[in-house]
């Protein structure tokens, strides 16, 4: 029972970390796109 609980906690933790990483990459790409768009308008 303890192994199952530990495995469940680890799985949830990894899922949350993964979501934050994907969100961060999306924000970085958005900022890069805005800079490229700004340079193109000049």
PDB file of N, CA and C in Angstrom:
ATOM      1  N   UNK A   1       0.823  -1.195   0.000  1.00  0.00           N
ATOM      2  CA  UNK A   1       0.000   0.000   0.000  1.00  0.00           C
ATOM      3  C   UNK A   1       0.866   1.257   0.000  1.00  0.00           C
ATOM      4  N   UNK A   2       1.957   1.253   0.743  1.00  0.00           N
ATOM      5  CA  UNK A   2       2.826   2.426   0.790  1.00  0.00           C
ATOM      6  C   UNK A   2       3.476   2.681  -0.566  1.00  0.00           C
ATOM      7  N   UNK A   3       3.810   1.615  -1.291  1.00  0.00           N
ATOM      8  CA  UNK A   3       4.432   1.778  -2.607  1.00  0.00           C
ATOM      9  C   UNK A   3       3.456   2.414  -3.588  1.00  0.00           C
ATOM     10  N   UNK A   4       2.209   2.024  -3.519  1.00  0.00           N
ATOM     11  CA  UNK A   4       1.198   2.586  -4.422  1.00  0.00           C
ATOM     12  C   UNK A   4       0.989   4.066  -4.126  1.00  0.00           C
ATOM     13  N   UNK A   5       0.935   4.417  -2.857  1.00  0.00           N
ATOM     14  CA  UNK A   5       0.766   5.818  -2.465  1.00  0.00           C
ATOM     15  C   UNK A   5       1.952   6.656  -2.924  1.00  0.00           C
ATOM     16  N   UNK A   6       3.152   6.146  -2.709  1.00  0.00           N
ATOM     17  CA  UNK A   6       4.355   6.863  -3.131  1.00  0.00           C
ATOM     18  C   UNK A   6       4.383   7.036  -4.645  1.00  0.00           C
ATOM     19  N   UNK A   7       4.026   5.991  -5.369  1.00  0.00           N
ATOM     20  CA  UNK A   7       3.992   6.065  -6.829  1.00  0.00           C
ATOM     21  C   UNK A   7       2.973   7.090  -7.307  1.00  0.00           C
ATOM     22  N   UNK A   8       1.824   7.147  -6.655  1.00  0.00           N
ATOM     23  CA  UNK A   8       0.789   8.110  -7.028  1.00  0.00           C
ATOM     24  C   UNK A   8       1.270   9.541  -6.775  1.00  0.00           C
ATOM     25  N   UNK A   9       1.911   9.766  -5.642  1.00  0.00           N
ATOM     26  CA  UNK A   9       2.420  11.106  -5.327  1.00  0.00           C
ATOM     27  C   UNK A   9       3.486  11.524  -6.323  1.00  0.00           C
ATOM     28  N   UNK A  10       4.385  10.621  -6.659  1.00  0.00           N
ATOM     29  CA  UNK A  10       5.431  10.929  -7.646  1.00  0.00           C
ATOM     30  C   UNK A  10       4.833  11.232  -9.016  1.00  0.00           C
ATOM     31  N   UNK A  11       3.821  10.487  -9.404  1.00  0.00           N
ATOM     32  CA  UNK A  11       3.183  10.703 -10.706  1.00  0.00           C
ATOM     33  C   UNK A  11       2.533  12.078 -10.778  1.00  0.00           C
ATOM     34  N   UNK A  12       1.836  12.460  -9.731  1.00  0.00           N
ATOM     35  CA  UNK A  12       1.176  13.773  -9.702  1.00  0.00           C
ATOM     36  C   UNK A  12       2.227  14.887  -9.730  1.00  0.00           C
ATOM     37  N   UNK A  13       3.296  14.705  -8.975  1.00  0.00           N
ATOM     38  CA  UNK A  13       4.365  15.710  -8.948  1.00  0.00           C
ATOM     39  C   UNK A  13       4.984  15.882 -10.323  1.00  0.00           C
ATOM     40  N   UNK A  14       5.296  14.785 -10.991  1.00  0.00           N
ATOM     41  CA  UNK A  14       5.885  14.868 -12.327  1.00  0.00           C
ATOM     42  C   UNK A  14       4.926  15.511 -13.321  1.00  0.00           C
ATOM     43  N   UNK A  15       3.649  15.223 -13.196  1.00  0.00           N
ATOM     44  CA  UNK A  15       2.663  15.817 -14.101  1.00  0.00           C
ATOM     45  C   UNK A  15       2.599  17.332 -13.904  1.00  0.00           C
ATOM     46  N   UNK A  16       2.635  17.783 -12.657  1.00  0.00           N
ATOM     47  CA  UNK A  16       2.584  19.226 -12.385  1.00  0.00           C
ATOM     48  C   UNK A  16       3.834  19.928 -12.892  1.00  0.00           C
ATOM     49  N   UNK A  17       4.985  19.317 -12.701  1.00  0.00           N
ATOM     50  CA  UNK A  17       6.235  19.900 -13.188  1.00  0.00           C
ATOM     51  C   UNK A  17       6.217  19.967 -14.706  1.00  0.00           C
ATOM     52  N   UNK A  18       5.726  18.936 -15.357  1.00  0.00           N
ATOM     53  CA  UNK A  18       5.642  18.905 -16.814  1.00  0.00           C
ATOM     54  C   UNK A  18       4.738  20.002 -17.351  1.00  0.00           C
ATOM     55  N   UNK A  19       3.631  20.236 -16.697  1.00  0.00           N
ATOM     56  CA  UNK A  19       2.704  21.282 -17.138  1.00  0.00           C
ATOM     57  C   UNK A  19       3.356  22.654 -17.038  1.00  0.00           C
ATOM     58  N   UNK A  20       4.064  22.891 -15.955  1.00  0.00           N
ATOM     59  CA  UNK A  20       4.724  24.182 -15.792  1.00  0.00           C
ATOM     60  C   UNK A  20       5.797  24.380 -16.848  1.00  0.00           C
ATOM     61  N   UNK A  21       6.505  23.319 -17.196  1.00  0.00           N
ATOM     62  CA  UNK A  21       7.551  23.413 -18.208  1.00  0.00           C
ATOM     63  C   UNK A  21       6.951  23.753 -19.567  1.00  0.00           C
ATOM     64  N   UNK A  22       5.887  23.074 -19.932  1.00  0.00           N
ATOM     65  CA  UNK A  22       5.229  23.324 -21.219  1.00  0.00           C
ATOM     66  C   UNK A  22       4.675  24.748 -21.256  1.00  0.00           C
ATOM     67  N   UNK A  23       4.117  25.193 -20.165  1.00  0.00           N
ATOM     68  CA  UNK A  23       3.579  26.551 -20.102  1.00  0.00           C
ATOM     69  C   UNK A  23       4.702  27.570 -20.275  1.00  0.00           C
ATOM     70  N   UNK A  24       5.840  27.332 -19.650  1.00  0.00           N
ATOM     71  CA  UNK A  24       6.985  28.236 -19.754  1.00  0.00           C
ATOM     72  C   UNK A  24       7.516  28.317 -21.176  1.00  0.00           C
ATOM     73  N   UNK A  25       7.580  27.179 -21.843  1.00  0.00           N
ATOM     74  CA  UNK A  25       8.046  27.165 -23.240  1.00  0.00           C
ATOM     75  C   UNK A  25       7.080  27.954 -24.109  1.00  0.00           C
ATOM     76  N   UNK A  26       5.801  27.790 -23.877  1.00  0.00           N
ATOM     77  CA  UNK A  26       4.799  28.532 -24.645  1.00  0.00           C
ATOM     78  C   UNK A  26       4.937  30.035 -24.455  1.00  0.00           C
ATOM     79  N   UNK A  27       5.208  30.454 -23.236  1.00  0.00           N
ATOM     80  CA  UNK A  27       5.383  31.885 -22.974  1.00  0.00           C
ATOM     81  C   UNK A  27       6.642  32.409 -23.653  1.00  0.00           C
ATOM     82  N   UNK A  28       7.724  31.626 -23.636  1.00  0.00           N
ATOM     83  CA  UNK A  28       8.958  32.041 -24.297  1.00  0.00           C
ATOM     84  C   UNK A  28       8.750  32.184 -25.801  1.00  0.00           C
ATOM     85  N   UNK A  29       8.052  31.237 -26.399  1.00  0.00           N
ATOM     86  CA  UNK A  29       7.784  31.313 -27.836  1.00  0.00           C
ATOM     87  C   UNK A  29       6.916  32.516 -28.171  1.00  0.00           C
ATOM     88  N   UNK A  30       5.977  32.815 -27.314  1.00  0.00           N
ATOM     89  CA  UNK A  30       5.108  33.969 -27.555  1.00  0.00           C
ATOM     90  C   UNK A  30       5.913  35.266 -27.509  1.00  0.00           C
ATOM     91  N   UNK A  31       6.796  35.395 -26.550  1.00  0.00           N
ATOM     92  CA  UNK A  31       7.625  36.603 -26.446  1.00  0.00           C
ATOM     93  C   UNK A  31       8.549  36.729 -27.649  1.00  0.00           C
ATOM     94  N   UNK A  32       9.114  35.606 -28.096  1.00  0.00           N
ATOM     95  CA  UNK A  32       9.993  35.634 -29.271  1.00  0.00           C
ATOM     96  C   UNK A  32       9.198  36.065 -30.496  1.00  0.00           C
ATOM     97  N   UNK A  33       7.986  35.571 -30.635  1.00  0.00           N
ATOM     98  CA  UNK A  33       7.141  35.954 -31.751  1.00  0.00           C
ATOM     99  C   UNK A  33       6.804  37.432 -31.733  1.00  0.00           C
ATOM    100  N   UNK A  34       6.581  37.975 -30.557  1.00  0.00           N
ATOM    101  CA  UNK A  34       6.269  39.411 -30.455  1.00  0.00           C
ATOM    102  C   UNK A  34       7.478  40.247 -30.860  1.00  0.00           C
ATOM    103  N   UNK A  35       8.680  39.819 -30.501  1.00  0.00           N
ATOM    104  CA  UNK A  35       9.888  40.567 -30.880  1.00  0.00           C
ATOM    105  C   UNK A  35      10.109  40.498 -32.381  1.00  0.00           C
ATOM    106  N   UNK A  36       9.881  39.340 -32.973  1.00  0.00           N
ATOM    107  CA  UNK A  36      10.035  39.199 -34.421  1.00  0.00           C
ATOM    108  C   UNK A  36       9.014  40.078 -35.134  1.00  0.00           C
ATOM    109  N   UNK A  37       7.784  40.073 -34.627  1.00  0.00           N
ATOM    110  CA  UNK A  37       6.743  40.906 -35.222  1.00  0.00           C
ATOM    111  C   UNK A  37       7.099  42.391 -35.117  1.00  0.00           C
ATOM    112  N   UNK A  38       7.633  42.799 -33.981  1.00  0.00           N
ATOM    113  CA  UNK A  38       8.029  44.185 -33.793  1.00  0.00           C
ATOM    114  C   UNK A  38       9.157  44.574 -34.732  1.00  0.00           C
ATOM    115  N   UNK A  39      10.115  43.670 -34.943  1.00  0.00           N
ATOM    116  CA  UNK A  39      11.231  43.950 -35.849  1.00  0.00           C
ATOM    117  C   UNK A  39      10.729  44.036 -37.290  1.00  0.00           C
ATOM    118  N   UNK A  40       9.745  43.226 -37.645  1.00  0.00           N
ATOM    119  CA  UNK A  40       9.221  43.238 -39.000  1.00  0.00           C
ATOM    120  C   UNK A  40       8.466  44.527 -39.300  1.00  0.00           C
ATOM    121  N   UNK A  41       7.871  45.134 -38.280  1.00  0.00           N
ATOM    122  CA  UNK A  41       7.099  46.360 -38.479  1.00  0.00           C
ATOM    123  C   UNK A  41       7.992  47.574 -38.674  1.00  0.00           C
ATOM    124  N   UNK A  42       9.264  47.479 -38.265  1.00  0.00           N
ATOM    125  CA  UNK A  42      10.163  48.630 -38.366  1.00  0.00           C
ATOM    126  C   UNK A  42      10.562  48.909 -39.761  1.00  0.00           C
TER     127      UNK A  42
END
